Every structure is written in structure tokens, then in C-alpha cells.
């Protein structure tokens, strides 16, 4: 097996597990009245413990180094409370009030929010390709939530709200740990942040404990924690050893495709052509950003549409 093929298998497997966990969460919410806070807490506590345990055996030197630096501990806690918790909570709320495919697709708006953040911070106008991404994202979201008609909203307003918030929260999740990731392994940083976030959510877990779940619900929860979080994340990181980040980000589109396929097949979720076109438009923003440096006419689409301040 070639190195590149091995990378493809890892990233596609991780993305499929991520997408499947969204559909499993949709099934879980349909069968149980457990609060979102409790489920998110259990997921973060379980996955955080397992990832931290993994890091303990594979990154012990870095673990010791991190705990000897109070400032870095503070950054991990900030990432956990301001990055991990919001991204998980908003995503699961979007699933609960809408469905897994829509929640996953709206979370894919985060590249647009990231480029807006950098445009404002660096006081530069977006490039032409960035402006195109923004237009595609807006058009895709419109089609997804209205089916192309201004007179109807096919999703509840709260489902749309939490889906867009999931995209914003995913932006925080991406930006907050940048400093830490220059020094520490991503598994260590993410595991500790998840564990800290899960511990912080313990009151919500204990408030509903013991949970009275059926066997299928217990298996669903175990799948979300073990396969949908632990293995999916490890597979994604492993893929970066064999293929470049651009290819990895493109193949991560298997996540919403998996969520859509499983929800239609097993959960009777229905989509018409406008929803599918909307999903495609939103996914295309990720493709454009990932392939920006490789597209034809790079000098044209790299040109900024105007200057807000001094370019960096």
C-alpha cells in the first residue's frame, strides 16, 4: 500500500466516523430526553480521558513540560472552555433542533468566518476568491434553510441559529490553540482541553445521573465517545503524516456526506434538490480555500478587492 493511499484511508475513515457520530447523535436525541449539556459533558469527559491517557503513554515528556508552565495550562483551559465547549454544544444543539447533515454542513461555514476574522484583524480587504467563498456560503445557507423560497423556512429558526453558531464556534476551536500547537502535540492539547471541559460540565451530568437508557442508546453514546471522537480524531491526525493538510481538508467533506447518507437511509431525513445544491455550495467554500494556491489564474483571484488599511 502506498503512503498516499494510507493517508487517504486514514482521513476518509476519520471523516466517516465523524459524520456517523452526528447521525447517531440525531438518533439518540430522538429516543431520549437527556439534556444536550449532559451528552456533551459525557462525550468530552470520556473522549478527553481516553485522549489524555493516549498522550500520557506517547507524549509523556511534553505532558510534564506543559504542567510545569502555568501559562500554558491557562491556555489549555481557555481552549477547553472557550473553544471545545462552544463547538460541541452548538453542534449538538443544531442536531437536536434540526438534523445531523444540516448541522454538519453549517459547521463547514467556519472557513468563511476565519477569513473574515483575518481580514478584520489584519485590516485588509478579502481577496477575490475569499469574496467568492463568502457569496457561495451565503447562497448555500439560503438554499439549505429556505429551499430557495423567501416565503418559507424549512428548518426551525433555532436550528439555523445553532448551526451558524456551530460554524462560529468551530472558528474559535481552530484559532484558540494555535500558540499551544507550536510547542505541543495536538493529541495532548485536545485531550487535556476536552478533559477539563468535561470536568467543568460534571454538574450537568450529575444532575441527571443515573441515566435510564436502553441498550441501543448506551451503544449509541459509546459510539459517539469512542469512534465518533477518539478514533476519528486519531485517524485524522494520523493522515497528516502521509498526505498534506490541503488534501486532508478536502477529504474531510466525507463527514457531511456520511451524515447525509445515514440520515436519509436510517432516520428518514428528506432533502430536495435545493438543499443538496445548498450543501454543495457551502462545501465548495472549503474546496476553494484549500485549493486557492493551486487554482488557475492565481494572480487574478489572489488580488484583493480593496484595501481597508495597510496590507500585512
C-alpha atoms as a PDB file:
ATOM      1  CA  UNK A   1       0.000   0.000   0.000  1.00  0.00           C
ATOM      2  CA  UNK A   2       1.396   3.392  -0.989  1.00  0.00           C
ATOM      3  CA  UNK A   3       1.980   6.103   1.593  1.00  0.00           C
ATOM      4  CA  UNK A   4      -0.548   8.425  -0.086  1.00  0.00           C
ATOM      5  CA  UNK A   5      -3.249   5.737  -0.189  1.00  0.00           C
ATOM      6  CA  UNK A   6      -2.668   5.055   3.500  1.00  0.00           C
ATOM      7  CA  UNK A   7      -3.222   8.744   4.227  1.00  0.00           C
ATOM      8  CA  UNK A   8      -6.430   8.700   2.167  1.00  0.00           C
ATOM      9  CA  UNK A   9      -7.733   5.731   4.146  1.00  0.00           C
ATOM     10  CA  UNK A  10      -6.987   7.396   7.488  1.00  0.00           C
ATOM     11  CA  UNK A  11      -8.617  10.746   6.691  1.00  0.00           C
ATOM     12  CA  UNK A  12     -11.653   9.217   4.970  1.00  0.00           C
ATOM     13  CA  UNK A  13     -12.132   6.793   7.876  1.00  0.00           C
ATOM     14  CA  UNK A  14     -11.907   9.630  10.386  1.00  0.00           C
ATOM     15  CA  UNK A  15     -14.352  11.783   8.415  1.00  0.00           C
ATOM     16  CA  UNK A  16     -16.818   8.918   8.033  1.00  0.00           C
ATOM     17  CA  UNK A  17     -16.705   8.282  11.788  1.00  0.00           C
ATOM     18  CA  UNK A  18     -17.257  11.992  12.487  1.00  0.00           C
ATOM     19  CA  UNK A  19     -20.228  12.073  10.126  1.00  0.00           C
ATOM     20  CA  UNK A  20     -21.655   8.851  11.520  1.00  0.00           C
ATOM     21  CA  UNK A  21     -21.423  10.193  15.076  1.00  0.00           C
ATOM     22  CA  UNK A  22     -23.660  13.116  14.060  1.00  0.00           C
ATOM     23  CA  UNK A  23     -26.313  10.748  12.711  1.00  0.00           C
ATOM     24  CA  UNK A  24     -26.017   8.559  15.805  1.00  0.00           C
ATOM     25  CA  UNK A  25     -26.465  11.671  17.964  1.00  0.00           C
ATOM     26  CA  UNK A  26     -29.614  12.531  15.977  1.00  0.00           C
ATOM     27  CA  UNK A  27     -30.928   9.024  16.710  1.00  0.00           C
ATOM     28  CA  UNK A  28     -30.003   9.362  20.395  1.00  0.00           C
ATOM     29  CA  UNK A  29     -31.838  12.683  20.781  1.00  0.00           C
ATOM     30  CA  UNK A  30     -34.923  11.228  19.082  1.00  0.00           C
ATOM     31  CA  UNK A  31     -35.042   8.372  21.608  1.00  0.00           C
ATOM     32  CA  UNK A  32     -34.018  10.141  24.833  1.00  0.00           C
ATOM     33  CA  UNK A  33     -34.833  13.293  26.797  1.00  0.00           C
ATOM     34  CA  UNK A  34     -31.284  13.699  28.113  1.00  0.00           C
ATOM     35  CA  UNK A  35     -30.098  17.325  28.006  1.00  0.00           C
ATOM     36  CA  UNK A  36     -27.542  18.487  25.467  1.00  0.00           C
ATOM     37  CA  UNK A  37     -25.286  19.707  28.291  1.00  0.00           C
ATOM     38  CA  UNK A  38     -25.217  16.211  29.803  1.00  0.00           C
ATOM     39  CA  UNK A  39     -24.414  14.482  26.497  1.00  0.00           C
ATOM     40  CA  UNK A  40     -21.698  16.991  25.634  1.00  0.00           C
ATOM     41  CA  UNK A  41     -20.237  16.583  29.126  1.00  0.00           C
ATOM     42  CA  UNK A  42     -20.173  12.795  28.823  1.00  0.00           C
ATOM     43  CA  UNK A  43     -18.619  12.966  25.365  1.00  0.00           C
ATOM     44  CA  UNK A  44     -15.881  15.379  26.439  1.00  0.00           C
ATOM     45  CA  UNK A  45     -15.211  13.582  29.705  1.00  0.00           C
ATOM     46  CA  UNK A  46     -14.946  10.168  28.051  1.00  0.00           C
ATOM     47  CA  UNK A  47     -13.023  11.227  24.949  1.00  0.00           C
ATOM     48  CA  UNK A  48     -10.858  13.671  26.919  1.00  0.00           C
ATOM     49  CA  UNK A  49      -9.847  10.967  29.368  1.00  0.00           C
ATOM     50  CA  UNK A  50      -9.015   8.489  26.592  1.00  0.00           C
ATOM     51  CA  UNK A  51      -7.045  11.035  24.536  1.00  0.00           C
ATOM     52  CA  UNK A  52      -5.178  12.236  27.647  1.00  0.00           C
ATOM     53  CA  UNK A  53      -4.380   8.635  28.538  1.00  0.00           C
ATOM     54  CA  UNK A  54      -3.078   8.112  24.999  1.00  0.00           C
ATOM     55  CA  UNK A  55      -0.947  11.239  25.322  1.00  0.00           C
ATOM     56  CA  UNK A  56       0.342  10.079  28.720  1.00  0.00           C
ATOM     57  CA  UNK A  57       1.888   6.996  27.134  1.00  0.00           C
ATOM     58  CA  UNK A  58       3.016   8.607  23.867  1.00  0.00           C
ATOM     59  CA  UNK A  59       3.812  12.240  24.828  1.00  0.00           C
ATOM     60  CA  UNK A  60       4.891  11.981  28.477  1.00  0.00           C
ATOM     61  CA  UNK A  61       7.797  14.400  28.101  1.00  0.00           C
ATOM     62  CA  UNK A  62       5.551  17.079  26.589  1.00  0.00           C
ATOM     63  CA  UNK A  63       2.930  16.431  29.261  1.00  0.00           C
ATOM     64  CA  UNK A  64       5.484  17.087  32.005  1.00  0.00           C
ATOM     65  CA  UNK A  65       6.679  20.211  30.204  1.00  0.00           C
ATOM     66  CA  UNK A  66       3.149  21.583  29.848  1.00  0.00           C
ATOM     67  CA  UNK A  67       2.292  21.104  33.529  1.00  0.00           C
ATOM     68  CA  UNK A  68       5.474  22.916  34.520  1.00  0.00           C
ATOM     69  CA  UNK A  69       4.261  26.058  32.722  1.00  0.00           C
ATOM     70  CA  UNK A  70       1.219  27.719  34.371  1.00  0.00           C
ATOM     71  CA  UNK A  71       0.714  29.993  31.357  1.00  0.00           C
ATOM     72  CA  UNK A  72       0.345  27.008  29.037  1.00  0.00           C
ATOM     73  CA  UNK A  73      -2.085  25.366  31.463  1.00  0.00           C
ATOM     74  CA  UNK A  74      -4.138  28.548  31.309  1.00  0.00           C
ATOM     75  CA  UNK A  75      -4.138  28.416  27.511  1.00  0.00           C
ATOM     76  CA  UNK A  76      -5.347  24.803  27.599  1.00  0.00           C
ATOM     77  CA  UNK A  77      -8.188  25.784  29.947  1.00  0.00           C
ATOM     78  CA  UNK A  78      -9.084  28.733  27.717  1.00  0.00           C
ATOM     79  CA  UNK A  79      -9.165  26.438  24.702  1.00  0.00           C
ATOM     80  CA  UNK A  80     -11.326  23.965  26.612  1.00  0.00           C
ATOM     81  CA  UNK A  81     -13.867  26.451  27.936  1.00  0.00           C
ATOM     82  CA  UNK A  82     -13.986  28.944  25.036  1.00  0.00           C
ATOM     83  CA  UNK A  83     -13.222  26.588  22.135  1.00  0.00           C
ATOM     84  CA  UNK A  84     -14.148  22.983  22.861  1.00  0.00           C
ATOM     85  CA  UNK A  85     -17.340  23.518  24.892  1.00  0.00           C
ATOM     86  CA  UNK A  86     -18.943  26.035  22.487  1.00  0.00           C
ATOM     87  CA  UNK A  87     -18.072  23.982  19.392  1.00  0.00           C
ATOM     88  CA  UNK A  88     -19.517  20.785  20.874  1.00  0.00           C
ATOM     89  CA  UNK A  89     -22.573  22.361  22.497  1.00  0.00           C
ATOM     90  CA  UNK A  90     -23.646  24.392  19.456  1.00  0.00           C
ATOM     91  CA  UNK A  91     -23.127  21.421  17.126  1.00  0.00           C
ATOM     92  CA  UNK A  92     -25.246  19.089  19.261  1.00  0.00           C
ATOM     93  CA  UNK A  93     -27.943  21.733  19.727  1.00  0.00           C
ATOM     94  CA  UNK A  94     -28.100  22.129  15.939  1.00  0.00           C
ATOM     95  CA  UNK A  95     -28.534  18.354  15.616  1.00  0.00           C
ATOM     96  CA  UNK A  96     -31.159  18.230  18.353  1.00  0.00           C
ATOM     97  CA  UNK A  97     -33.281  21.042  16.873  1.00  0.00           C
ATOM     98  CA  UNK A  98     -32.582  20.219  13.225  1.00  0.00           C
ATOM     99  CA  UNK A  99     -30.722  17.208  11.850  1.00  0.00           C
ATOM    100  CA  UNK A 100     -27.175  15.901  11.577  1.00  0.00           C
ATOM    101  CA  UNK A 101     -26.499  16.745   7.888  1.00  0.00           C
ATOM    102  CA  UNK A 102     -27.635  20.358   8.237  1.00  0.00           C
ATOM    103  CA  UNK A 103     -25.694  20.838  11.478  1.00  0.00           C
ATOM    104  CA  UNK A 104     -22.555  19.390   9.907  1.00  0.00           C
ATOM    105  CA  UNK A 105     -22.880  21.489   6.752  1.00  0.00           C
ATOM    106  CA  UNK A 106     -23.473  24.740   8.655  1.00  0.00           C
ATOM    107  CA  UNK A 107     -20.418  23.946  10.777  1.00  0.00           C
ATOM    108  CA  UNK A 108     -18.461  23.930   7.499  1.00  0.00           C
ATOM    109  CA  UNK A 109     -19.064  27.687   7.298  1.00  0.00           C
ATOM    110  CA  UNK A 110     -16.082  28.137   9.619  1.00  0.00           C
ATOM    111  CA  UNK A 111     -13.525  28.835   6.801  1.00  0.00           C
ATOM    112  CA  UNK A 112     -15.627  31.881   5.881  1.00  0.00           C
ATOM    113  CA  UNK A 113     -15.637  33.120   9.479  1.00  0.00           C
ATOM    114  CA  UNK A 114     -11.875  32.552   9.703  1.00  0.00           C
ATOM    115  CA  UNK A 115     -11.144  34.609   6.594  1.00  0.00           C
ATOM    116  CA  UNK A 116     -13.433  37.391   7.873  1.00  0.00           C
ATOM    117  CA  UNK A 117     -11.564  37.335  11.186  1.00  0.00           C
ATOM    118  CA  UNK A 118      -8.183  37.691   9.494  1.00  0.00           C
ATOM    119  CA  UNK A 119      -9.449  40.409   7.153  1.00  0.00           C
ATOM    120  CA  UNK A 120     -10.616  42.479  10.135  1.00  0.00           C
ATOM    121  CA  UNK A 121      -7.571  41.743  12.290  1.00  0.00           C
ATOM    122  CA  UNK A 122      -5.048  42.464   9.545  1.00  0.00           C
ATOM    123  CA  UNK A 123      -7.118  45.369   8.216  1.00  0.00           C
ATOM    124  CA  UNK A 124      -7.079  44.038   4.678  1.00  0.00           C
ATOM    125  CA  UNK A 125      -9.968  43.507   2.311  1.00  0.00           C
ATOM    126  CA  UNK A 126     -10.721  39.917   1.271  1.00  0.00           C
ATOM    127  CA  UNK A 127      -9.174  38.502  -1.877  1.00  0.00           C
ATOM    128  CA  UNK A 128     -11.465  37.914  -4.836  1.00  0.00           C
ATOM    129  CA  UNK A 129     -11.510  34.195  -4.083  1.00  0.00           C
ATOM    130  CA  UNK A 130     -12.438  34.990  -0.461  1.00  0.00           C
ATOM    131  CA  UNK A 131     -15.320  37.176  -1.608  1.00  0.00           C
ATOM    132  CA  UNK A 132     -16.478  34.353  -3.877  1.00  0.00           C
ATOM    133  CA  UNK A 133     -16.351  31.971  -0.894  1.00  0.00           C
ATOM    134  CA  UNK A 134     -18.497  34.345   1.167  1.00  0.00           C
ATOM    135  CA  UNK A 135     -21.081  34.684  -1.625  1.00  0.00           C
ATOM    136  CA  UNK A 136     -21.216  30.895  -2.100  1.00  0.00           C
ATOM    137  CA  UNK A 137     -21.592  30.355   1.657  1.00  0.00           C
ATOM    138  CA  UNK A 138     -24.471  32.847   1.903  1.00  0.00           C
ATOM    139  CA  UNK A 139     -26.199  31.391  -1.162  1.00  0.00           C
ATOM    140  CA  UNK A 140     -25.733  27.839   0.115  1.00  0.00           C
ATOM    141  CA  UNK A 141     -27.105  28.691   3.555  1.00  0.00           C
ATOM    142  CA  UNK A 142     -30.115  30.417   1.961  1.00  0.00           C
ATOM    143  CA  UNK A 143     -30.935  27.366  -0.172  1.00  0.00           C
ATOM    144  CA  UNK A 144     -30.411  24.999   2.746  1.00  0.00           C
ATOM    145  CA  UNK A 145     -32.765  26.763   5.155  1.00  0.00           C
ATOM    146  CA  UNK A 146     -35.425  28.056   2.714  1.00  0.00           C
ATOM    147  CA  UNK A 147     -35.335  25.611  -0.239  1.00  0.00           C
ATOM    148  CA  UNK A 148     -34.975  28.671  -2.426  1.00  0.00           C
ATOM    149  CA  UNK A 149     -38.199  30.405  -1.364  1.00  0.00           C
ATOM    150  CA  UNK A 150     -38.312  33.655   0.603  1.00  0.00           C
ATOM    151  CA  UNK A 151     -41.749  32.665   1.928  1.00  0.00           C
ATOM    152  CA  UNK A 152     -40.686  29.602   3.893  1.00  0.00           C
ATOM    153  CA  UNK A 153     -38.146  28.425   6.420  1.00  0.00           C
ATOM    154  CA  UNK A 154     -37.784  24.648   6.254  1.00  0.00           C
ATOM    155  CA  UNK A 155     -35.715  24.489   9.435  1.00  0.00           C
ATOM    156  CA  UNK A 156     -36.695  25.942  12.775  1.00  0.00           C
ATOM    157  CA  UNK A 157     -35.097  29.355  13.410  1.00  0.00           C
ATOM    158  CA  UNK A 158     -33.309  27.903  16.431  1.00  0.00           C
ATOM    159  CA  UNK A 159     -31.834  25.057  14.373  1.00  0.00           C
ATOM    160  CA  UNK A 160     -30.469  27.615  11.906  1.00  0.00           C
ATOM    161  CA  UNK A 161     -29.192  29.791  14.758  1.00  0.00           C
ATOM    162  CA  UNK A 162     -27.336  26.959  16.468  1.00  0.00           C
ATOM    163  CA  UNK A 163     -25.968  25.708  13.141  1.00  0.00           C
ATOM    164  CA  UNK A 164     -24.460  29.097  12.309  1.00  0.00           C
ATOM    165  CA  UNK A 165     -23.192  29.392  15.878  1.00  0.00           C
ATOM    166  CA  UNK A 166     -21.544  25.986  15.385  1.00  0.00           C
ATOM    167  CA  UNK A 167     -19.660  27.471  12.434  1.00  0.00           C
ATOM    168  CA  UNK A 168     -18.527  30.430  14.558  1.00  0.00           C
ATOM    169  CA  UNK A 169     -17.594  28.129  17.450  1.00  0.00           C
ATOM    170  CA  UNK A 170     -15.590  25.922  15.072  1.00  0.00           C
ATOM    171  CA  UNK A 171     -13.645  29.061  14.173  1.00  0.00           C
ATOM    172  CA  UNK A 172     -12.760  29.605  17.841  1.00  0.00           C
ATOM    173  CA  UNK A 173     -11.849  25.928  18.097  1.00  0.00           C
ATOM    174  CA  UNK A 174      -9.445  26.386  15.177  1.00  0.00           C
ATOM    175  CA  UNK A 175      -7.866  29.685  16.238  1.00  0.00           C
ATOM    176  CA  UNK A 176      -7.504  29.397  20.027  1.00  0.00           C
ATOM    177  CA  UNK A 177      -4.929  26.554  20.271  1.00  0.00           C
ATOM    178  CA  UNK A 178      -2.533  27.896  17.614  1.00  0.00           C
ATOM    179  CA  UNK A 179       0.099  29.022  20.138  1.00  0.00           C
ATOM    180  CA  UNK A 180      -0.024  25.726  22.022  1.00  0.00           C
ATOM    181  CA  UNK A 181       0.240  23.651  18.854  1.00  0.00           C
ATOM    182  CA  UNK A 182       3.569  25.274  18.009  1.00  0.00           C
ATOM    183  CA  UNK A 183       5.025  23.545  21.077  1.00  0.00           C
ATOM    184  CA  UNK A 184       2.845  20.557  21.933  1.00  0.00           C
ATOM    185  CA  UNK A 185       1.326  17.587  20.152  1.00  0.00           C
ATOM    186  CA  UNK A 186      -2.288  18.119  19.043  1.00  0.00           C
ATOM    187  CA  UNK A 187      -3.468  14.934  20.774  1.00  0.00           C
ATOM    188  CA  UNK A 188      -2.125  16.167  24.109  1.00  0.00           C
ATOM    189  CA  UNK A 189      -3.613  19.661  23.785  1.00  0.00           C
ATOM    190  CA  UNK A 190      -7.018  18.463  22.603  1.00  0.00           C
ATOM    191  CA  UNK A 191      -7.217  15.624  25.126  1.00  0.00           C
ATOM    192  CA  UNK A 192      -6.463  17.864  28.106  1.00  0.00           C
ATOM    193  CA  UNK A 193      -8.822  20.590  26.845  1.00  0.00           C
ATOM    194  CA  UNK A 194     -11.628  18.062  26.394  1.00  0.00           C
ATOM    195  CA  UNK A 195     -10.972  16.549  29.811  1.00  0.00           C
ATOM    196  CA  UNK A 196     -11.017  19.964  31.514  1.00  0.00           C
ATOM    197  CA  UNK A 197     -14.211  20.890  29.668  1.00  0.00           C
ATOM    198  CA  UNK A 198     -15.830  17.591  30.627  1.00  0.00           C
ATOM    199  CA  UNK A 199     -14.947  18.094  34.293  1.00  0.00           C
ATOM    200  CA  UNK A 200     -16.443  21.602  34.140  1.00  0.00           C
ATOM    201  CA  UNK A 201     -19.690  20.084  32.824  1.00  0.00           C
ATOM    202  CA  UNK A 202     -19.863  17.445  35.584  1.00  0.00           C
ATOM    203  CA  UNK A 203     -22.681  19.299  37.434  1.00  0.00           C
ATOM    204  CA  UNK A 204     -24.907  18.858  34.355  1.00  0.00           C
ATOM    205  CA  UNK A 205     -24.065  15.141  34.231  1.00  0.00           C
ATOM    206  CA  UNK A 206     -24.665  14.570  37.952  1.00  0.00           C
ATOM    207  CA  UNK A 207     -27.954  16.493  37.785  1.00  0.00           C
ATOM    208  CA  UNK A 208     -29.388  13.784  35.523  1.00  0.00           C
ATOM    209  CA  UNK A 209     -27.472  10.812  36.873  1.00  0.00           C
ATOM    210  CA  UNK A 210     -28.211   7.914  36.754  1.00  0.00           C
ATOM    211  CA  UNK A 211     -29.282   7.951  33.139  1.00  0.00           C
ATOM    212  CA  UNK A 212     -32.010   5.462  32.296  1.00  0.00           C
ATOM    213  CA  UNK A 213     -31.020   4.414  28.811  1.00  0.00           C
ATOM    214  CA  UNK A 214     -31.932   1.477  26.627  1.00  0.00           C
ATOM    215  CA  UNK A 215     -29.226  -0.826  25.344  1.00  0.00           C
ATOM    216  CA  UNK A 216     -29.306   0.822  21.916  1.00  0.00           C
ATOM    217  CA  UNK A 217     -28.942   4.279  23.500  1.00  0.00           C
ATOM    218  CA  UNK A 218     -25.969   3.125  25.582  1.00  0.00           C
ATOM    219  CA  UNK A 219     -24.322   1.721  22.451  1.00  0.00           C
ATOM    220  CA  UNK A 220     -25.073   4.980  20.619  1.00  0.00           C
ATOM    221  CA  UNK A 221     -23.428   7.025  23.361  1.00  0.00           C
ATOM    222  CA  UNK A 222     -20.417   4.695  23.417  1.00  0.00           C
ATOM    223  CA  UNK A 223     -20.081   5.041  19.635  1.00  0.00           C
ATOM    224  CA  UNK A 224     -20.185   8.850  19.858  1.00  0.00           C
ATOM    225  CA  UNK A 225     -17.434   8.877  22.510  1.00  0.00           C
ATOM    226  CA  UNK A 226     -15.116   6.117  21.268  1.00  0.00           C
ATOM    227  CA  UNK A 227     -15.491   6.020  17.497  1.00  0.00           C
ATOM    228  CA  UNK A 228     -17.003   9.432  16.785  1.00  0.00           C
ATOM    229  CA  UNK A 229     -14.466  11.311  18.886  1.00  0.00           C
ATOM    230  CA  UNK A 230     -11.410   9.269  19.907  1.00  0.00           C
ATOM    231  CA  UNK A 231     -10.726   7.196  16.782  1.00  0.00           C
ATOM    232  CA  UNK A 232     -11.976   9.805  14.318  1.00  0.00           C
ATOM    233  CA  UNK A 233      -9.599  12.374  15.760  1.00  0.00           C
ATOM    234  CA  UNK A 234      -6.631   9.980  15.908  1.00  0.00           C
ATOM    235  CA  UNK A 235      -7.254   8.862  12.311  1.00  0.00           C
ATOM    236  CA  UNK A 236      -7.392  12.492  11.178  1.00  0.00           C
ATOM    237  CA  UNK A 237      -4.079  13.301  12.887  1.00  0.00           C
ATOM    238  CA  UNK A 238      -2.501  10.111  11.544  1.00  0.00           C
ATOM    239  CA  UNK A 239      -3.450  11.099   7.985  1.00  0.00           C
ATOM    240  CA  UNK A 240      -1.326  14.250   8.284  1.00  0.00           C
ATOM    241  CA  UNK A 241       1.757  12.016   8.468  1.00  0.00           C
ATOM    242  CA  UNK A 242       1.100  10.734   4.941  1.00  0.00           C
ATOM    243  CA  UNK A 243      -0.705  13.494   2.995  1.00  0.00           C
ATOM    244  CA  UNK A 244      -0.659  17.283   3.018  1.00  0.00           C
ATOM    245  CA  UNK A 245      -3.184  19.365   5.014  1.00  0.00           C
ATOM    246  CA  UNK A 246      -4.833  20.609   1.803  1.00  0.00           C
ATOM    247  CA  UNK A 247      -5.759  17.088   0.732  1.00  0.00           C
ATOM    248  CA  UNK A 248      -6.841  16.256   4.265  1.00  0.00           C
ATOM    249  CA  UNK A 249      -9.188  19.237   4.462  1.00  0.00           C
ATOM    250  CA  UNK A 250     -10.710  18.349   1.079  1.00  0.00           C
ATOM    251  CA  UNK A 251     -11.335  14.732   2.037  1.00  0.00           C
ATOM    252  CA  UNK A 252     -12.952  15.857   5.306  1.00  0.00           C
ATOM    253  CA  UNK A 253     -16.012  16.560   3.135  1.00  0.00           C
ATOM    254  CA  UNK A 254     -16.793  12.873   3.631  1.00  0.00           C
ATOM    255  CA  UNK A 255     -18.112  13.922   7.064  1.00  0.00           C
ATOM    256  CA  UNK A 256     -21.259  15.751   5.852  1.00  0.00           C
ATOM    257  CA  UNK A 257     -21.685  13.246   3.014  1.00  0.00           C
ATOM    258  CA  UNK A 258     -21.734  10.406   5.548  1.00  0.00           C
ATOM    259  CA  UNK A 259     -24.124  12.268   7.860  1.00  0.00           C
ATOM    260  CA  UNK A 260     -26.469  12.929   4.928  1.00  0.00           C
ATOM    261  CA  UNK A 261     -26.350   9.354   3.624  1.00  0.00           C
ATOM    262  CA  UNK A 262     -27.023   7.783   7.035  1.00  0.00           C
ATOM    263  CA  UNK A 263     -29.755  10.256   7.976  1.00  0.00           C
ATOM    264  CA  UNK A 264     -31.605   9.690   4.701  1.00  0.00           C
ATOM    265  CA  UNK A 265     -31.146   5.910   4.842  1.00  0.00           C
ATOM    266  CA  UNK A 266     -31.927   5.229   8.513  1.00  0.00           C
ATOM    267  CA  UNK A 267     -33.540   8.345  10.032  1.00  0.00           C
ATOM    268  CA  UNK A 268     -35.981   9.250   7.243  1.00  0.00           C
ATOM    269  CA  UNK A 269     -34.481  12.720   6.797  1.00  0.00           C
ATOM    270  CA  UNK A 270     -35.628  14.218   3.495  1.00  0.00           C
ATOM    271  CA  UNK A 271     -33.803  16.677   1.230  1.00  0.00           C
ATOM    272  CA  UNK A 272     -34.848  18.196  -2.064  1.00  0.00           C
ATOM    273  CA  UNK A 273     -32.608  19.426  -4.869  1.00  0.00           C
ATOM    274  CA  UNK A 274     -32.259  22.927  -3.392  1.00  0.00           C
ATOM    275  CA  UNK A 275     -30.955  21.541  -0.083  1.00  0.00           C
ATOM    276  CA  UNK A 276     -28.402  19.400  -1.888  1.00  0.00           C
ATOM    277  CA  UNK A 277     -27.297  22.356  -4.030  1.00  0.00           C
ATOM    278  CA  UNK A 278     -27.007  24.469  -0.866  1.00  0.00           C
ATOM    279  CA  UNK A 279     -24.849  21.805   0.769  1.00  0.00           C
ATOM    280  CA  UNK A 280     -22.654  21.691  -2.311  1.00  0.00           C
ATOM    281  CA  UNK A 281     -22.193  25.467  -2.342  1.00  0.00           C
ATOM    282  CA  UNK A 282     -21.162  25.543   1.325  1.00  0.00           C
ATOM    283  CA  UNK A 283     -18.746  22.638   0.829  1.00  0.00           C
ATOM    284  CA  UNK A 284     -17.282  24.416  -2.199  1.00  0.00           C
ATOM    285  CA  UNK A 285     -16.030  27.217   0.075  1.00  0.00           C
ATOM    286  CA  UNK A 286     -13.784  24.703   1.839  1.00  0.00           C
ATOM    287  CA  UNK A 287     -12.536  23.411  -1.519  1.00  0.00           C
ATOM    288  CA  UNK A 288     -11.819  26.936  -2.792  1.00  0.00           C
ATOM    289  CA  UNK A 289      -9.869  27.883   0.326  1.00  0.00           C
ATOM    290  CA  UNK A 290      -7.926  24.618   0.337  1.00  0.00           C
ATOM    291  CA  UNK A 291      -7.009  24.832  -3.347  1.00  0.00           C
ATOM    292  CA  UNK A 292      -6.536  28.605  -3.577  1.00  0.00           C
ATOM    293  CA  UNK A 293      -2.803  28.331  -4.226  1.00  0.00           C
ATOM    294  CA  UNK A 294      -3.285  25.675  -6.930  1.00  0.00           C
ATOM    295  CA  UNK A 295      -6.138  27.140  -8.960  1.00  0.00           C
ATOM    296  CA  UNK A 296      -5.569  28.640 -12.443  1.00  0.00           C
ATOM    297  CA  UNK A 297      -5.291  32.420 -12.732  1.00  0.00           C
ATOM    298  CA  UNK A 298      -3.881  32.668  -9.216  1.00  0.00           C
ATOM    299  CA  UNK A 299      -2.743  36.270  -9.749  1.00  0.00           C
ATOM    300  CA  UNK A 300      -6.334  37.199 -10.559  1.00  0.00           C
ATOM    301  CA  UNK A 301      -8.151  35.535  -7.666  1.00  0.00           C
ATOM    302  CA  UNK A 302      -5.427  36.449  -5.141  1.00  0.00           C
ATOM    303  CA  UNK A 303      -5.950  40.141  -5.874  1.00  0.00           C
ATOM    304  CA  UNK A 304      -7.749  41.960  -3.085  1.00  0.00           C
ATOM    305  CA  UNK A 305     -10.979  43.781  -3.898  1.00  0.00           C
ATOM    306  CA  UNK A 306      -9.885  46.865  -1.945  1.00  0.00           C
ATOM    307  CA  UNK A 307      -7.703  47.901   0.966  1.00  0.00           C
ATOM    308  CA  UNK A 308      -9.207  48.627   4.369  1.00  0.00           C
ATOM    309  CA  UNK A 309      -5.897  49.559   5.901  1.00  0.00           C
ATOM    310  CA  UNK A 310      -2.240  48.840   5.402  1.00  0.00           C
ATOM    311  CA  UNK A 311      -1.819  45.334   3.988  1.00  0.00           C
ATOM    312  CA  UNK A 312       0.195  42.954   6.086  1.00  0.00           C
END
